[in-house]
Amino acid sequence: QVELVESGGGLVQTGGSLTLSCIVSRLTFETRAMGWFRQAPGKERTGVSCIHAYGGVIDYLDSVKGRFTISRDNAKNTVYLHLNTLNVEDTAMYYCAHFAGGFCGSRSSPERGVDYWGRGTQVTVSS
């Protein structure tokens, strides 16, 4: 059974940091793009950041540039999202996404090409 399992979420104070992990099982990983998306209560899901199979990165949200960093470890079939200088607007459920190909969705269509989703990990930032 295909699995994308996120972990690392939690409750953190403003200015704090977290590292999210997503372990992928029973899917091709090394030659596929991987992304992180988030959905805040009452809002639509939005792309956060994505890493192409070759390692290039797209940050979909201007608000996370310089604060969030996506990385991948192909030996561990794992993609990470390092979250720094968190603020209350970052509170959301964070989802890992596996793409059918080696390239991420564009900034205008970040979900284009996603074939599998994780169940999410909650990040809550308190003031």
Protein backbone atom coordinates (compact mmCIF):
# COMPACT_ATOMS: atom_id res chain seq x y z
CA GLN A 1 0.00 0.00 0.00
CA VAL A 2 1.28 3.43 -0.96
CA GLU A 3 2.13 5.60 2.00
CA LEU A 4 3.22 9.18 2.56
CA VAL A 5 3.59 9.68 6.29
CA GLU A 6 4.21 13.14 7.67
CA SER A 7 5.59 13.87 11.12
CA GLY A 8 7.16 16.69 13.08
CA GLY A 9 4.21 18.99 13.56
CA GLY A 10 3.22 20.39 16.92
CA LEU A 11 2.59 23.45 19.03
CA VAL A 12 5.27 26.11 18.98
CA GLN A 13 5.53 29.73 20.07
CA THR A 14 5.95 32.64 17.69
CA GLY A 15 9.52 32.77 16.48
CA GLY A 16 10.07 29.07 17.02
CA SER A 17 11.14 26.35 14.62
CA LEU A 18 9.99 22.92 13.49
CA THR A 19 11.15 20.35 10.99
CA LEU A 20 8.52 18.36 9.16
CA SER A 21 9.36 15.01 7.61
CA CYS A 22 7.54 12.92 5.04
CA ILE A 23 8.57 9.31 4.48
CA VAL A 24 7.42 7.77 1.21
CA SER A 25 6.80 4.04 0.83
CA ARG A 26 6.02 1.89 -2.20
CA LEU A 27 6.44 4.74 -4.64
CA THR A 28 9.23 5.85 -6.91
CA PHE A 29 10.97 8.63 -5.03
CA GLU A 30 14.34 9.66 -6.45
CA THR A 31 13.00 10.65 -9.88
CA ARG A 32 9.88 12.37 -8.62
CA ALA A 33 9.23 15.90 -7.43
CA MET A 34 8.00 16.28 -3.86
CA GLY A 35 6.08 19.16 -2.36
CA TRP A 36 4.62 20.61 0.80
CA PHE A 37 1.19 22.21 0.92
CA ARG A 38 -0.83 23.64 3.77
CA GLN A 39 -4.43 24.35 4.65
CA ALA A 40 -5.49 26.72 7.36
CA PRO A 41 -8.96 26.51 8.92
CA GLY A 42 -11.56 27.95 6.60
CA LYS A 43 -9.08 28.44 3.78
CA GLU A 44 -8.15 26.58 0.63
CA ARG A 45 -5.10 24.39 0.42
CA THR A 46 -2.10 26.25 -0.93
CA GLY A 47 1.33 25.26 -2.11
CA VAL A 48 4.22 26.07 0.22
CA SER A 49 7.37 24.74 -1.37
CA CYS A 50 8.40 22.02 -3.80
CA ILE A 51 11.63 20.30 -4.78
CA HIS A 52 12.21 18.91 -8.24
CA ALA A 53 13.75 15.49 -8.65
CA TYR A 54 17.06 17.11 -9.65
CA GLY A 55 17.03 19.29 -6.54
CA GLY A 56 15.80 22.66 -7.75
CA VAL A 57 13.26 24.38 -5.51
CA ILE A 58 10.10 26.41 -6.00
CA ASP A 59 8.73 28.49 -3.13
CA TYR A 60 5.06 29.01 -3.86
CA LEU A 61 4.47 31.41 -0.99
CA ASP A 62 6.37 34.68 -0.84
CA SER A 63 5.66 34.81 2.90
CA VAL A 64 7.84 31.76 3.58
CA LYS A 65 10.89 32.76 1.55
CA GLY A 66 13.90 32.98 3.80
CA ARG A 67 12.04 31.20 6.61
CA PHE A 68 11.13 27.76 5.23
CA THR A 69 13.51 25.39 3.47
CA ILE A 70 12.63 22.21 1.65
CA SER A 71 15.14 19.41 1.25
CA ARG A 72 15.18 15.74 0.34
CA ASP A 73 17.18 12.63 1.21
CA ASN A 74 16.80 10.12 -1.61
CA ALA A 75 18.55 7.41 0.39
CA LYS A 76 15.82 7.64 3.01
CA ASN A 77 12.87 8.31 0.66
CA THR A 78 12.21 11.37 2.80
CA VAL A 79 11.41 15.01 2.11
CA TYR A 80 11.75 17.66 4.80
CA LEU A 81 10.38 21.12 5.42
CA HIS A 82 12.40 23.20 7.84
CA LEU A 83 10.23 25.93 9.34
CA ASN A 84 11.94 28.85 11.04
CA THR A 85 10.74 32.11 12.55
CA LEU A 86 7.20 30.81 12.71
CA ASN A 87 4.26 33.16 13.17
CA VAL A 88 0.57 32.60 13.88
CA GLU A 89 -0.26 32.89 10.17
CA ASP A 90 1.70 29.69 9.60
CA THR A 91 -0.81 27.70 11.65
CA ALA A 92 -2.22 25.03 9.34
CA MET A 93 -2.33 21.38 8.46
CA TYR A 94 0.75 20.64 6.37
CA TYR A 95 0.53 17.99 3.66
CA CYS A 96 3.23 16.18 1.77
CA ALA A 97 2.65 15.56 -1.95
CA HIS A 98 4.24 13.16 -4.44
CA PHE A 99 4.33 14.13 -8.08
CA ALA A 100 3.88 11.81 -11.05
CA GLY A 101 6.94 13.31 -12.73
CA GLY A 102 10.26 14.90 -11.91
CA PHE A 103 9.08 18.49 -11.94
CA CYS A 104 6.95 20.45 -9.53
CA GLY A 105 3.74 22.18 -10.44
CA SER A 106 4.08 25.77 -11.56
CA ARG A 107 3.46 28.72 -9.27
CA SER A 108 0.10 29.24 -10.96
CA SER A 109 -0.85 25.53 -10.67
CA PRO A 110 1.14 24.05 -7.81
CA GLU A 111 -1.02 20.93 -7.47
CA ARG A 112 -0.73 20.02 -11.12
CA GLY A 113 0.99 16.69 -11.37
CA VAL A 114 0.38 15.54 -7.78
CA ASP A 115 -0.59 11.88 -7.73
CA TYR A 116 -0.46 11.05 -4.00
CA TRP A 117 -1.04 12.96 -0.78
CA GLY A 118 -0.13 12.36 2.81
CA ARG A 119 -2.65 12.71 5.62
CA GLY A 120 -1.04 15.79 7.06
CA THR A 121 0.64 17.00 10.22
CA GLN A 122 -0.71 19.90 12.24
CA VAL A 123 1.41 22.95 12.95
CA THR A 124 0.04 25.39 15.51
CA VAL A 125 1.86 28.61 16.32
CA SER A 126 0.85 30.46 19.48
CA SER A 127 1.39 34.18 20.08
